[in-house]
Protein backbone atom coordinates (compact mmCIF):
# COMPACT_ATOMS: atom_id res chain seq x y z
CA UNK A 1 -11.97 79.50 29.85
CA UNK A 2 -11.38 78.63 26.50
CA UNK A 3 -10.07 81.10 23.81
CA UNK A 4 -12.78 79.82 21.64
CA UNK A 5 -15.72 79.92 24.66
CA UNK A 6 -15.02 83.67 25.11
CA UNK A 7 -14.74 85.32 21.92
CA UNK A 8 -17.52 83.53 20.86
CA UNK A 9 -19.51 85.41 24.13
CA UNK A 10 -18.16 88.66 22.94
CA UNK A 11 -19.31 88.10 19.63
CA UNK A 12 -22.73 87.98 20.74
CA UNK A 13 -22.05 90.58 23.39
CA UNK A 14 -21.48 92.93 20.84
CA UNK A 15 -24.27 92.24 18.49
CA UNK A 16 -26.77 92.15 21.36
CA UNK A 17 -25.06 94.98 23.41
CA UNK A 18 -23.71 97.56 20.67
CA UNK A 19 -25.98 99.79 21.01
CA UNK A 20 -25.12 100.85 25.10
CA UNK A 21 -21.37 100.04 24.26
CA UNK A 22 -20.89 103.58 22.41
CA UNK A 23 -17.06 104.61 20.94
CA UNK A 24 -15.53 101.41 23.26
CA UNK A 25 -17.10 99.42 19.95
CA UNK A 26 -14.72 99.93 18.03
CA UNK A 27 -12.33 98.62 20.45
CA UNK A 28 -13.67 95.02 21.86
CA UNK A 29 -14.12 94.53 18.00
CA UNK A 30 -10.30 94.94 18.23
CA UNK A 31 -9.79 92.09 21.28
CA UNK A 32 -12.10 89.93 18.98
CA UNK A 33 -9.60 90.27 16.32
CA UNK A 34 -6.45 89.04 19.41
CA UNK A 35 -8.39 86.20 20.44
CA UNK A 36 -8.44 84.97 17.04
CA UNK A 37 -4.88 85.45 16.91
CA UNK A 38 -4.63 84.27 21.23
CA UNK A 39 -6.79 80.85 19.81
CA UNK A 40 -4.07 80.47 16.48
CA UNK A 41 -1.32 80.48 18.79
CA UNK A 42 -2.77 78.20 21.36
CA UNK A 43 -3.57 75.64 18.82
CA UNK A 44 -0.02 75.60 17.59
CA UNK A 45 1.81 72.71 18.80
CA UNK A 46 3.07 72.88 22.19
CA UNK A 47 6.58 73.03 21.67
CA UNK A 48 6.69 75.39 18.49
CA UNK A 49 5.65 77.88 21.19
CA UNK A 50 8.38 79.65 23.28
CA UNK A 51 8.17 80.41 27.06
CA UNK A 52 7.75 84.26 25.40
CA UNK A 53 5.30 83.84 23.69
CA UNK A 54 2.55 82.00 26.25
CA UNK A 55 3.70 84.64 28.01
CA UNK A 56 2.79 87.54 26.08
CA UNK A 57 -0.58 85.43 24.83
CA UNK A 58 -0.55 85.13 28.92
CA UNK A 59 -0.57 88.92 28.84
CA UNK A 60 -3.17 89.92 25.90
CA UNK A 61 -6.04 87.90 27.09
CA UNK A 62 -5.10 89.53 30.27
CA UNK A 63 -5.34 92.14 29.24
CA UNK A 64 -9.55 91.44 27.30
CA UNK A 65 -10.47 90.39 30.57
CA UNK A 66 -9.39 93.44 31.77
CA UNK A 67 -11.39 95.21 29.58
CA UNK A 68 -13.91 93.46 29.60
CA UNK A 69 -14.40 93.61 33.55
CA UNK A 70 -13.99 96.72 33.39
CA UNK A 71 -17.17 97.96 30.54
CA UNK A 72 -19.10 95.52 32.98
CA UNK A 73 -18.63 97.92 35.57
CA UNK A 74 -19.09 100.99 33.60
CA UNK A 75 -22.99 99.45 32.42
CA UNK A 76 -23.80 97.98 35.53
CA UNK A 77 -23.45 101.44 36.96
CA UNK A 78 -24.75 103.80 34.23
CA UNK A 79 -27.91 101.09 35.11
CA UNK A 80 -27.77 101.43 38.67
CA UNK A 81 -27.49 105.12 37.75
CA UNK A 82 -30.42 105.08 35.95
CA UNK A 83 -32.54 102.68 38.24
CA UNK A 84 -31.15 105.39 40.74
CA UNK A 85 -32.29 108.60 38.73
CA UNK A 86 -35.50 107.18 37.52
């Protein structure tokens, strides 16, 4: 997935589902900024990017994806509990 696509999808999700995200919305908004930094780093000349920088960019992206997966799981769990309780 391209980081620009991820940034766009994350911004849309925050806008559409912000009310459901509760206090996590701030953390997700911070991740939008980190994605901007990752995109800027990846858009540099590949020869200017050290191995350490590449690894760091991948770690940041992986942490963002982990956070999103966790949030998705929480929302699904909440929805399932609501259906079973309703």
